[in-house]
Amino acid sequence: MKVCFNLILIAVLLFTTSLKPIEKKDPPTQCYDPNYVEISNVSYKNETYSVVLMRREGNRIKAKYFAAADYNGNNVFQRYNNWSKSVANIILVSSGTYMDNRQTPVGLTIDNGIPVNQTLVHDKMDALTIVFATGGIVVSNLKDGDLSVSGGGVDPTRKFNLRKSSIDLQDFMDWARSQEATVFQTHLLVYKNALTVSSYNSVTTPRERRFLAVGYDEDSKLVHVIVHCPQHSSIHDGAKKTLDFLNNFKDIKVTFMINLDTGAQDVFELNNSDCTKNDAIKGTQPLSTAVNLLSYYFQ
């Protein structure tokens, strides 16, 4: 009987053990798939480059630009904070383009379809940058006067010359409103893999430089690349060296490259794939000081 009782007791213990709830572990925190983002520090021709290479294949990586405060009184930092809480998967956030003494964006600026600055700069800042609501970025060279867009009832074969036609400019702004597009002007440094900034008409003050380049890698895949150059240089010299680096070290053919502000609003924060901070590129100013912000996120 004693043996039988012991067997029953063991069976009861095994049964009650099996009824214990299984402890659930939180899933690992991940901001993005590391297969889509490559962060590196590279030495090339006695220069140091900090690089964030983002692969746009599959449209998993998207861009969002905050050009100005909204009509509800929320400044750029507040807008970004509210938006990022719902997105969560932030790869990086950076200061964008230039502002004047009143902290108004310089040049034609449209924020999510809403005009912020309707004054098109004619004699410089040739890069008309369009950030689509879908997360893509394109740049048109205003000197060429051959901007084309689609959607909103616009003929996709039409060429807009914004600097020479007030009708084209108004129609383009109407299109941006209908598509909730974000538009800003900045310096065009490289276009169609050729240097477009001159040593005679560029900003010559030596400082750290940060660029956004978009192009195609050796496998003809679309990539967006942030390149930070800590060595102080003029915009022309920095752009020239960076184009050489991207072409010959990274084997990237650059469709366009624009400047990101490292002056009055030197803002930059970068996350690792596990959402921890990465200091490979780090701004000198807090996000709260930003007048405009460019963010990349994973979806």
C-alpha atoms as a PDB file:
ATOM      1  CA  MET A   1       0.000   0.000   0.000  1.00  0.00           C
ATOM      2  CA  LYS A   2       2.814   2.371   0.826  1.00  0.00           C
ATOM      3  CA  VAL A   3       4.304   1.949  -2.651  1.00  0.00           C
ATOM      4  CA  CYS A   4       0.919   2.621  -4.213  1.00  0.00           C
ATOM      5  CA  PHE A   5       0.440   5.743  -2.113  1.00  0.00           C
ATOM      6  CA  ASN A   6       3.845   7.085  -3.132  1.00  0.00           C
ATOM      7  CA  LEU A   7       3.008   6.542  -6.797  1.00  0.00           C
ATOM      8  CA  ILE A   8      -0.266   8.424  -6.413  1.00  0.00           C
ATOM      9  CA  LEU A   9       1.547  11.285  -4.647  1.00  0.00           C
ATOM     10  CA  ILE A  10       4.126  11.555  -7.423  1.00  0.00           C
ATOM     11  CA  ALA A  11       1.373  11.592 -10.036  1.00  0.00           C
ATOM     12  CA  VAL A  12      -0.462  14.378  -8.206  1.00  0.00           C
ATOM     13  CA  LEU A  13       2.732  16.434  -7.921  1.00  0.00           C
ATOM     14  CA  LEU A  14       3.466  16.031 -11.629  1.00  0.00           C
ATOM     15  CA  PHE A  15      -0.090  17.016 -12.536  1.00  0.00           C
ATOM     16  CA  THR A  16      -0.081  20.157 -10.351  1.00  0.00           C
ATOM     17  CA  THR A  17       3.342  21.112 -11.704  1.00  0.00           C
ATOM     18  CA  SER A  18       1.992  20.890 -15.254  1.00  0.00           C
ATOM     19  CA  LEU A  19      -0.818  23.292 -14.302  1.00  0.00           C
ATOM     20  CA  LYS A  20       1.607  26.071 -13.236  1.00  0.00           C
ATOM     21  CA  PRO A  21       1.293  29.027 -15.567  1.00  0.00           C
ATOM     22  CA  ILE A  22       4.126  29.427 -18.059  1.00  0.00           C
ATOM     23  CA  GLU A  23       6.029  32.641 -17.462  1.00  0.00           C
ATOM     24  CA  LYS A  24       5.859  34.877 -20.495  1.00  0.00           C
ATOM     25  CA  LYS A  25       8.995  36.731 -21.463  1.00  0.00           C
ATOM     26  CA  ASP A  26       8.829  40.110 -23.122  1.00  0.00           C
ATOM     27  CA  PRO A  27       9.839  39.938 -26.772  1.00  0.00           C
ATOM     28  CA  PRO A  28      13.254  41.412 -27.505  1.00  0.00           C
ATOM     29  CA  THR A  29      13.128  45.134 -28.190  1.00  0.00           C
ATOM     30  CA  GLN A  30      14.053  45.978 -31.766  1.00  0.00           C
ATOM     31  CA  CYS A  31      13.876  49.350 -33.479  1.00  0.00           C
ATOM     32  CA  TYR A  32      14.610  47.949 -36.928  1.00  0.00           C
ATOM     33  CA  ASP A  33      15.871  44.938 -38.825  1.00  0.00           C
ATOM     34  CA  PRO A  34      19.701  45.285 -38.929  1.00  0.00           C
ATOM     35  CA  ASN A  35      19.720  43.764 -42.415  1.00  0.00           C
ATOM     36  CA  TYR A  36      18.330  47.080 -43.662  1.00  0.00           C
ATOM     37  CA  VAL A  37      20.689  49.432 -41.794  1.00  0.00           C
ATOM     38  CA  GLU A  38      24.478  49.425 -41.681  1.00  0.00           C
ATOM     39  CA  ILE A  39      26.336  51.728 -39.267  1.00  0.00           C
ATOM     40  CA  SER A  40      30.097  52.052 -39.689  1.00  0.00           C
ATOM     41  CA  ASN A  41      33.151  54.228 -39.073  1.00  0.00           C
ATOM     42  CA  VAL A  42      35.494  54.154 -42.039  1.00  0.00           C
ATOM     43  CA  SER A  43      38.971  55.530 -42.776  1.00  0.00           C
ATOM     44  CA  TYR A  44      39.543  56.481 -46.406  1.00  0.00           C
ATOM     45  CA  LYS A  45      42.437  58.559 -47.785  1.00  0.00           C
ATOM     46  CA  ASN A  46      43.407  59.702 -44.275  1.00  0.00           C
ATOM     47  CA  GLU A  47      39.884  60.937 -43.585  1.00  0.00           C
ATOM     48  CA  THR A  48      37.294  59.503 -41.203  1.00  0.00           C
ATOM     49  CA  TYR A  49      33.684  58.975 -42.261  1.00  0.00           C
ATOM     50  CA  SER A  50      30.806  57.905 -40.046  1.00  0.00           C
ATOM     51  CA  VAL A  51      28.170  56.279 -42.221  1.00  0.00           C
ATOM     52  CA  VAL A  52      24.559  55.187 -41.833  1.00  0.00           C
ATOM     53  CA  LEU A  53      23.564  53.209 -44.926  1.00  0.00           C
ATOM     54  CA  MET A  54      19.852  52.411 -45.228  1.00  0.00           C
ATOM     55  CA  ARG A  55      18.477  50.006 -47.824  1.00  0.00           C
ATOM     56  CA  ARG A  56      15.120  51.087 -49.238  1.00  0.00           C
ATOM     57  CA  GLU A  57      14.317  47.713 -50.772  1.00  0.00           C
ATOM     58  CA  GLY A  58      10.776  46.684 -49.869  1.00  0.00           C
ATOM     59  CA  ASN A  59       9.946  50.231 -48.710  1.00  0.00           C
ATOM     60  CA  ARG A  60      10.517  49.207 -45.080  1.00  0.00           C
ATOM     61  CA  ILE A  61      12.605  52.309 -44.341  1.00  0.00           C
ATOM     62  CA  LYS A  62      10.767  55.615 -44.619  1.00  0.00           C
ATOM     63  CA  ALA A  63      11.542  59.300 -44.158  1.00  0.00           C
ATOM     64  CA  LYS A  64       9.514  61.964 -42.374  1.00  0.00           C
ATOM     65  CA  TYR A  65      10.300  65.688 -42.386  1.00  0.00           C
ATOM     66  CA  PHE A  66       9.064  68.335 -39.966  1.00  0.00           C
ATOM     67  CA  ALA A  67       9.556  71.726 -41.586  1.00  0.00           C
ATOM     68  CA  ALA A  68       7.988  74.098 -39.061  1.00  0.00           C
ATOM     69  CA  ALA A  69       5.602  74.528 -36.141  1.00  0.00           C
ATOM     70  CA  ASP A  70       1.971  73.652 -36.869  1.00  0.00           C
ATOM     71  CA  TYR A  71      -1.084  75.900 -36.621  1.00  0.00           C
ATOM     72  CA  ASN A  72      -1.993  74.434 -33.246  1.00  0.00           C
ATOM     73  CA  GLY A  73       1.108  75.970 -31.679  1.00  0.00           C
ATOM     74  CA  ASN A  74       3.151  72.762 -31.511  1.00  0.00           C
ATOM     75  CA  ASN A  75       6.788  73.415 -32.348  1.00  0.00           C
ATOM     76  CA  VAL A  76       8.889  70.965 -34.355  1.00  0.00           C
ATOM     77  CA  PHE A  77      10.175  69.163 -31.261  1.00  0.00           C
ATOM     78  CA  GLN A  78       6.654  68.695 -29.899  1.00  0.00           C
ATOM     79  CA  ARG A  79       5.389  67.503 -33.265  1.00  0.00           C
ATOM     80  CA  TYR A  80       8.232  65.009 -33.554  1.00  0.00           C
ATOM     81  CA  ASN A  81       7.654  63.723 -30.008  1.00  0.00           C
ATOM     82  CA  ASN A  82       3.940  63.205 -30.602  1.00  0.00           C
ATOM     83  CA  TRP A  83       4.577  61.440 -33.891  1.00  0.00           C
ATOM     84  CA  SER A  84       7.459  59.243 -32.673  1.00  0.00           C
ATOM     85  CA  LYS A  85       5.346  57.789 -29.853  1.00  0.00           C
ATOM     86  CA  SER A  86       3.077  56.175 -32.415  1.00  0.00           C
ATOM     87  CA  VAL A  87       5.924  55.093 -34.713  1.00  0.00           C
ATOM     88  CA  ALA A  88       8.470  53.859 -32.137  1.00  0.00           C
ATOM     89  CA  ASN A  89      10.864  52.285 -34.653  1.00  0.00           C
ATOM     90  CA  ILE A  90      13.123  55.322 -35.085  1.00  0.00           C
ATOM     91  CA  ILE A  91      16.445  54.809 -36.857  1.00  0.00           C
ATOM     92  CA  LEU A  92      17.718  58.376 -36.699  1.00  0.00           C
ATOM     93  CA  VAL A  93      16.675  62.002 -36.448  1.00  0.00           C
ATOM     94  CA  SER A  94      18.671  64.939 -37.817  1.00  0.00           C
ATOM     95  CA  SER A  95      18.494  68.672 -38.267  1.00  0.00           C
ATOM     96  CA  GLY A  96      17.436  69.525 -41.790  1.00  0.00           C
ATOM     97  CA  THR A  97      17.939  72.633 -43.871  1.00  0.00           C
ATOM     98  CA  TYR A  98      18.548  76.314 -43.262  1.00  0.00           C
ATOM     99  CA  MET A  99      16.584  78.916 -41.315  1.00  0.00           C
ATOM    100  CA  ASP A 100      16.704  82.701 -41.056  1.00  0.00           C
ATOM    101  CA  ASN A 101      17.019  84.873 -37.940  1.00  0.00           C
ATOM    102  CA  ARG A 102      13.292  84.483 -37.267  1.00  0.00           C
ATOM    103  CA  GLN A 103      13.724  80.698 -37.384  1.00  0.00           C
ATOM    104  CA  THR A 104      11.719  80.519 -40.603  1.00  0.00           C
ATOM    105  CA  PRO A 105      12.859  77.925 -43.185  1.00  0.00           C
ATOM    106  CA  VAL A 106      14.761  79.539 -46.051  1.00  0.00           C
ATOM    107  CA  GLY A 107      13.293  78.982 -49.506  1.00  0.00           C
ATOM    108  CA  LEU A 108      10.111  77.310 -50.703  1.00  0.00           C
ATOM    109  CA  THR A 109       8.798  75.196 -47.829  1.00  0.00           C
ATOM    110  CA  ILE A 110       5.618  73.127 -47.626  1.00  0.00           C
ATOM    111  CA  ASP A 111       4.880  70.997 -44.573  1.00  0.00           C
ATOM    112  CA  ASN A 112       2.569  68.036 -45.111  1.00  0.00           C
ATOM    113  CA  GLY A 113       0.768  69.983 -47.838  1.00  0.00           C
ATOM    114  CA  ILE A 114       0.594  73.254 -45.883  1.00  0.00           C
ATOM    115  CA  PRO A 115       2.645  76.225 -47.211  1.00  0.00           C
ATOM    116  CA  VAL A 116       5.188  77.532 -44.679  1.00  0.00           C
ATOM    117  CA  ASN A 117       7.335  79.751 -46.913  1.00  0.00           C
ATOM    118  CA  GLN A 118       6.109  80.464 -50.441  1.00  0.00           C
ATOM    119  CA  THR A 119       9.251  82.371 -51.512  1.00  0.00           C
ATOM    120  CA  LEU A 120      11.292  80.327 -53.960  1.00  0.00           C
ATOM    121  CA  VAL A 121      15.044  81.094 -53.812  1.00  0.00           C
ATOM    122  CA  HIS A 122      16.238  81.745 -57.375  1.00  0.00           C
ATOM    123  CA  ASP A 123      19.989  82.314 -57.238  1.00  0.00           C
ATOM    124  CA  LYS A 124      21.154  79.378 -55.070  1.00  0.00           C
ATOM    125  CA  MET A 125      19.757  76.369 -53.185  1.00  0.00           C
ATOM    126  CA  ASP A 126      19.092  74.409 -56.386  1.00  0.00           C
ATOM    127  CA  ALA A 127      17.846  71.266 -54.625  1.00  0.00           C
ATOM    128  CA  LEU A 128      14.059  71.120 -54.454  1.00  0.00           C
ATOM    129  CA  THR A 129      13.531  68.246 -52.036  1.00  0.00           C
ATOM    130  CA  ILE A 130      10.200  66.418 -51.876  1.00  0.00           C
ATOM    131  CA  VAL A 131       9.408  64.066 -49.001  1.00  0.00           C
ATOM    132  CA  PHE A 132       6.312  62.070 -49.852  1.00  0.00           C
ATOM    133  CA  ALA A 133       3.669  61.043 -47.345  1.00  0.00           C
ATOM    134  CA  THR A 134       4.584  57.448 -48.281  1.00  0.00           C
ATOM    135  CA  GLY A 135       8.139  57.957 -46.932  1.00  0.00           C
ATOM    136  CA  GLY A 136      10.188  58.399 -50.106  1.00  0.00           C
ATOM    137  CA  ILE A 137      12.503  61.326 -50.972  1.00  0.00           C
ATOM    138  CA  VAL A 138      13.299  62.789 -54.389  1.00  0.00           C
ATOM    139  CA  VAL A 139      15.282  65.849 -55.423  1.00  0.00           C
ATOM    140  CA  SER A 140      14.918  67.945 -58.560  1.00  0.00           C
ATOM    141  CA  ASN A 141      17.580  70.337 -59.839  1.00  0.00           C
ATOM    142  CA  LEU A 142      15.778  73.694 -60.125  1.00  0.00           C
ATOM    143  CA  LYS A 143      18.349  74.868 -62.685  1.00  0.00           C
ATOM    144  CA  ASP A 144      17.102  72.234 -65.122  1.00  0.00           C
ATOM    145  CA  GLY A 145      13.465  73.317 -64.850  1.00  0.00           C
ATOM    146  CA  ASP A 146      12.211  69.822 -65.583  1.00  0.00           C
ATOM    147  CA  LEU A 147      10.410  68.750 -62.416  1.00  0.00           C
ATOM    148  CA  SER A 148       7.708  66.125 -63.024  1.00  0.00           C
ATOM    149  CA  VAL A 149       5.216  64.739 -60.512  1.00  0.00           C
ATOM    150  CA  SER A 150       2.307  62.332 -60.572  1.00  0.00           C
ATOM    151  CA  GLY A 151      -0.999  62.044 -58.761  1.00  0.00           C
ATOM    152  CA  GLY A 152      -3.518  64.729 -57.895  1.00  0.00           C
ATOM    153  CA  GLY A 153      -4.735  64.919 -61.478  1.00  0.00           C
ATOM    154  CA  VAL A 154      -1.381  66.228 -62.784  1.00  0.00           C
ATOM    155  CA  ASP A 155      -0.168  65.089 -66.196  1.00  0.00           C
ATOM    156  CA  PRO A 156       2.948  62.985 -65.353  1.00  0.00           C
ATOM    157  CA  THR A 157       4.613  64.068 -68.621  1.00  0.00           C
ATOM    158  CA  ARG A 158       4.365  67.759 -67.736  1.00  0.00           C
ATOM    159  CA  LYS A 159       7.626  69.554 -66.902  1.00  0.00           C
ATOM    160  CA  PHE A 160       7.457  72.215 -64.180  1.00  0.00           C
ATOM    161  CA  ASN A 161       9.903  75.128 -64.371  1.00  0.00           C
ATOM    162  CA  LEU A 162       9.324  76.700 -60.968  1.00  0.00           C
ATOM    163  CA  ARG A 163      11.850  79.509 -61.367  1.00  0.00           C
ATOM    164  CA  LYS A 164      10.544  80.792 -64.681  1.00  0.00           C
ATOM    165  CA  SER A 165       6.795  80.165 -64.501  1.00  0.00           C
ATOM    166  CA  SER A 166       4.547  81.484 -61.740  1.00  0.00           C
ATOM    167  CA  ILE A 167       1.796  79.214 -63.086  1.00  0.00           C
ATOM    168  CA  ASP A 168       4.045  76.163 -62.722  1.00  0.00           C
ATOM    169  CA  LEU A 169       4.919  77.233 -59.180  1.00  0.00           C
ATOM    170  CA  GLN A 170       1.289  77.662 -58.151  1.00  0.00           C
ATOM    171  CA  ASP A 171       0.230  74.395 -59.785  1.00  0.00           C
ATOM    172  CA  PHE A 172       3.071  72.580 -58.048  1.00  0.00           C
ATOM    173  CA  MET A 173       2.046  73.993 -54.669  1.00  0.00           C
ATOM    174  CA  ASP A 174      -1.538  72.890 -55.344  1.00  0.00           C
ATOM    175  CA  TRP A 175      -0.216  69.416 -56.162  1.00  0.00           C
ATOM    176  CA  ALA A 176       1.838  69.308 -52.925  1.00  0.00           C
ATOM    177  CA  ARG A 177      -1.265  70.247 -50.958  1.00  0.00           C
ATOM    178  CA  SER A 178      -3.335  67.491 -52.588  1.00  0.00           C
ATOM    179  CA  GLN A 179      -0.642  64.871 -51.908  1.00  0.00           C
ATOM    180  CA  GLU A 180       0.215  66.098 -48.382  1.00  0.00           C
ATOM    181  CA  ALA A 181       3.819  66.312 -49.555  1.00  0.00           C
ATOM    182  CA  THR A 182       6.602  68.071 -47.691  1.00  0.00           C
ATOM    183  CA  VAL A 183       8.915  70.290 -49.724  1.00  0.00           C
ATOM    184  CA  PHE A 184      12.040  72.285 -48.873  1.00  0.00           C
ATOM    185  CA  GLN A 185      14.995  73.906 -50.625  1.00  0.00           C
ATOM    186  CA  THR A 186      18.635  73.332 -49.817  1.00  0.00           C
ATOM    187  CA  HIS A 187      22.056  73.290 -51.479  1.00  0.00           C
ATOM    188  CA  LEU A 188      22.428  70.705 -54.217  1.00  0.00           C
ATOM    189  CA  LEU A 189      25.918  69.261 -53.835  1.00  0.00           C
ATOM    190  CA  VAL A 190      25.811  66.294 -56.191  1.00  0.00           C
ATOM    191  CA  TYR A 191      23.337  65.501 -58.969  1.00  0.00           C
ATOM    192  CA  LYS A 192      23.423  62.492 -61.263  1.00  0.00           C
ATOM    193  CA  ASN A 193      26.762  61.477 -59.729  1.00  0.00           C
ATOM    194  CA  ALA A 194      28.455  64.780 -60.634  1.00  0.00           C
ATOM    195  CA  LEU A 195      29.614  67.486 -58.243  1.00  0.00           C
ATOM    196  CA  THR A 196      27.349  70.533 -58.659  1.00  0.00           C
ATOM    197  CA  VAL A 197      28.610  72.805 -55.897  1.00  0.00           C
ATOM    198  CA  SER A 198      31.355  75.271 -56.824  1.00  0.00           C
ATOM    199  CA  SER A 199      34.252  76.322 -54.639  1.00  0.00           C
ATOM    200  CA  TYR A 200      33.379  79.919 -55.609  1.00  0.00           C
ATOM    201  CA  ASN A 201      29.740  80.074 -54.522  1.00  0.00           C
ATOM    202  CA  SER A 202      29.601  77.645 -51.597  1.00  0.00           C
ATOM    203  CA  VAL A 203      29.864  78.201 -47.869  1.00  0.00           C
ATOM    204  CA  THR A 204      33.587  78.328 -47.168  1.00  0.00           C
ATOM    205  CA  THR A 205      33.585  78.365 -43.353  1.00  0.00           C
ATOM    206  CA  PRO A 206      35.380  75.170 -42.256  1.00  0.00           C
ATOM    207  CA  ARG A 207      33.313  72.948 -39.959  1.00  0.00           C
ATOM    208  CA  GLU A 208      32.130  69.394 -39.558  1.00  0.00           C
ATOM    209  CA  ARG A 209      29.899  68.371 -42.447  1.00  0.00           C
ATOM    210  CA  ARG A 210      26.918  66.056 -42.683  1.00  0.00           C
ATOM    211  CA  PHE A 211      25.326  64.985 -45.938  1.00  0.00           C
ATOM    212  CA  LEU A 212      22.353  62.964 -47.154  1.00  0.00           C
ATOM    213  CA  ALA A 213      23.117  60.996 -50.316  1.00  0.00           C
ATOM    214  CA  VAL A 214      20.647  58.877 -52.259  1.00  0.00           C
ATOM    215  CA  GLY A 215      21.777  56.501 -54.970  1.00  0.00           C
ATOM    216  CA  TYR A 216      22.267  52.907 -56.068  1.00  0.00           C
ATOM    217  CA  ASP A 217      24.708  50.345 -54.696  1.00  0.00           C
ATOM    218  CA  GLU A 218      26.737  47.786 -56.638  1.00  0.00           C
ATOM    219  CA  ASP A 219      23.646  45.561 -56.887  1.00  0.00           C
ATOM    220  CA  SER A 220      21.582  48.449 -58.307  1.00  0.00           C
ATOM    221  CA  LYS A 221      19.558  48.642 -55.082  1.00  0.00           C
ATOM    222  CA  LEU A 222      18.298  52.010 -53.847  1.00  0.00           C
ATOM    223  CA  VAL A 223      20.080  53.238 -50.723  1.00  0.00           C
ATOM    224  CA  HIS A 224      19.895  56.349 -48.540  1.00  0.00           C
ATOM    225  CA  VAL A 225      23.169  57.244 -46.862  1.00  0.00           C
ATOM    226  CA  ILE A 226      23.971  59.702 -44.090  1.00  0.00           C
ATOM    227  CA  VAL A 227      27.665  60.597 -44.134  1.00  0.00           C
ATOM    228  CA  HIS A 228      29.231  62.572 -41.289  1.00  0.00           C
ATOM    229  CA  CYS A 229      32.670  64.106 -41.872  1.00  0.00           C
ATOM    230  CA  PRO A 230      34.221  65.238 -38.568  1.00  0.00           C
ATOM    231  CA  GLN A 231      37.193  66.868 -40.313  1.00  0.00           C
ATOM    232  CA  HIS A 232      36.498  70.587 -40.733  1.00  0.00           C
ATOM    233  CA  SER A 233      36.091  71.618 -44.360  1.00  0.00           C
ATOM    234  CA  SER A 234      34.111  73.888 -46.652  1.00  0.00           C
ATOM    235  CA  ILE A 235      30.906  72.528 -48.165  1.00  0.00           C
ATOM    236  CA  HIS A 236      32.636  72.180 -51.547  1.00  0.00           C
ATOM    237  CA  ASP A 237      35.653  70.275 -50.234  1.00  0.00           C
ATOM    238  CA  GLY A 238      33.539  68.110 -47.941  1.00  0.00           C
ATOM    239  CA  ALA A 239      31.122  67.247 -50.752  1.00  0.00           C
ATOM    240  CA  LYS A 240      33.939  66.489 -53.184  1.00  0.00           C
ATOM    241  CA  LYS A 241      35.665  64.114 -50.762  1.00  0.00           C
ATOM    242  CA  THR A 242      32.391  62.449 -49.800  1.00  0.00           C
ATOM    243  CA  LEU A 243      31.419  61.819 -53.431  1.00  0.00           C
ATOM    244  CA  ASP A 244      34.805  60.207 -54.029  1.00  0.00           C
ATOM    245  CA  PHE A 245      34.352  58.092 -50.888  1.00  0.00           C
ATOM    246  CA  LEU A 246      30.857  56.940 -51.886  1.00  0.00           C
ATOM    247  CA  ASN A 247      31.860  56.182 -55.481  1.00  0.00           C
ATOM    248  CA  ASN A 248      35.117  54.388 -54.866  1.00  0.00           C
ATOM    249  CA  PHE A 249      34.906  52.935 -51.362  1.00  0.00           C
ATOM    250  CA  LYS A 250      31.192  52.210 -51.027  1.00  0.00           C
ATOM    251  CA  ASP A 251      30.633  51.646 -54.774  1.00  0.00           C
ATOM    252  CA  ILE A 252      27.528  53.844 -54.758  1.00  0.00           C
ATOM    253  CA  LYS A 253      26.446  55.918 -57.737  1.00  0.00           C
ATOM    254  CA  VAL A 254      24.906  59.037 -56.243  1.00  0.00           C
ATOM    255  CA  THR A 255      21.630  60.310 -57.687  1.00  0.00           C
ATOM    256  CA  PHE A 256      21.714  63.376 -55.439  1.00  0.00           C
ATOM    257  CA  MET A 257      23.433  64.625 -52.316  1.00  0.00           C
ATOM    258  CA  ILE A 258      22.248  67.505 -50.122  1.00  0.00           C
ATOM    259  CA  ASN A 259      23.586  69.264 -47.062  1.00  0.00           C
ATOM    260  CA  LEU A 260      22.250  68.732 -43.527  1.00  0.00           C
ATOM    261  CA  ASP A 261      22.761  71.617 -41.112  1.00  0.00           C
ATOM    262  CA  THR A 262      25.628  71.255 -38.630  1.00  0.00           C
ATOM    263  CA  GLY A 263      25.631  74.927 -37.651  1.00  0.00           C
ATOM    264  CA  ALA A 264      23.083  76.660 -35.435  1.00  0.00           C
ATOM    265  CA  GLN A 265      20.918  73.548 -35.096  1.00  0.00           C
ATOM    266  CA  ASP A 266      23.407  70.687 -35.064  1.00  0.00           C
ATOM    267  CA  VAL A 267      20.930  67.994 -34.019  1.00  0.00           C
ATOM    268  CA  PHE A 268      21.484  64.295 -34.599  1.00  0.00           C
ATOM    269  CA  GLU A 269      20.467  61.133 -32.736  1.00  0.00           C
ATOM    270  CA  LEU A 270      21.102  57.599 -33.972  1.00  0.00           C
ATOM    271  CA  ASN A 271      19.707  54.311 -32.647  1.00  0.00           C
ATOM    272  CA  ASN A 272      21.117  50.802 -32.850  1.00  0.00           C
ATOM    273  CA  SER A 273      18.762  48.033 -33.967  1.00  0.00           C
ATOM    274  CA  ASP A 274      18.074  47.209 -30.290  1.00  0.00           C
ATOM    275  CA  CYS A 275      16.975  50.822 -29.675  1.00  0.00           C
ATOM    276  CA  THR A 276      20.064  51.772 -27.659  1.00  0.00           C
ATOM    277  CA  LYS A 277      21.800  55.020 -28.579  1.00  0.00           C
ATOM    278  CA  ASN A 278      24.716  54.952 -30.991  1.00  0.00           C
ATOM    279  CA  ASP A 279      27.244  57.783 -30.690  1.00  0.00           C
ATOM    280  CA  ALA A 280      28.957  57.158 -34.041  1.00  0.00           C
ATOM    281  CA  ILE A 281      27.196  60.341 -35.149  1.00  0.00           C
ATOM    282  CA  LYS A 282      25.999  62.700 -32.476  1.00  0.00           C
ATOM    283  CA  GLY A 283      24.805  66.289 -32.666  1.00  0.00           C
ATOM    284  CA  THR A 284      26.010  69.000 -30.321  1.00  0.00           C
ATOM    285  CA  GLN A 285      22.516  70.387 -29.661  1.00  0.00           C
ATOM    286  CA  PRO A 286      19.466  68.690 -28.060  1.00  0.00           C
ATOM    287  CA  LEU A 287      16.423  67.815 -30.159  1.00  0.00           C
ATOM    288  CA  SER A 288      14.429  70.483 -28.337  1.00  0.00           C
ATOM    289  CA  THR A 289      16.404  73.206 -30.166  1.00  0.00           C
ATOM    290  CA  ALA A 290      15.562  71.979 -33.662  1.00  0.00           C
ATOM    291  CA  VAL A 291      13.706  74.276 -36.038  1.00  0.00           C
ATOM    292  CA  ASN A 292      13.251  71.472 -38.571  1.00  0.00           C
ATOM    293  CA  LEU A 293      13.893  67.739 -38.378  1.00  0.00           C
ATOM    294  CA  LEU A 294      14.453  64.850 -40.769  1.00  0.00           C
ATOM    295  CA  SER A 295      13.722  61.398 -39.372  1.00  0.00           C
ATOM    296  CA  TYR A 296      14.102  57.897 -40.737  1.00  0.00           C
ATOM    297  CA  TYR A 297      12.041  55.078 -39.301  1.00  0.00           C
ATOM    298  CA  PHE A 298      11.383  51.365 -39.909  1.00  0.00           C
ATOM    299  CA  GLN A 299       8.005  49.912 -40.703  1.00  0.00           C
END
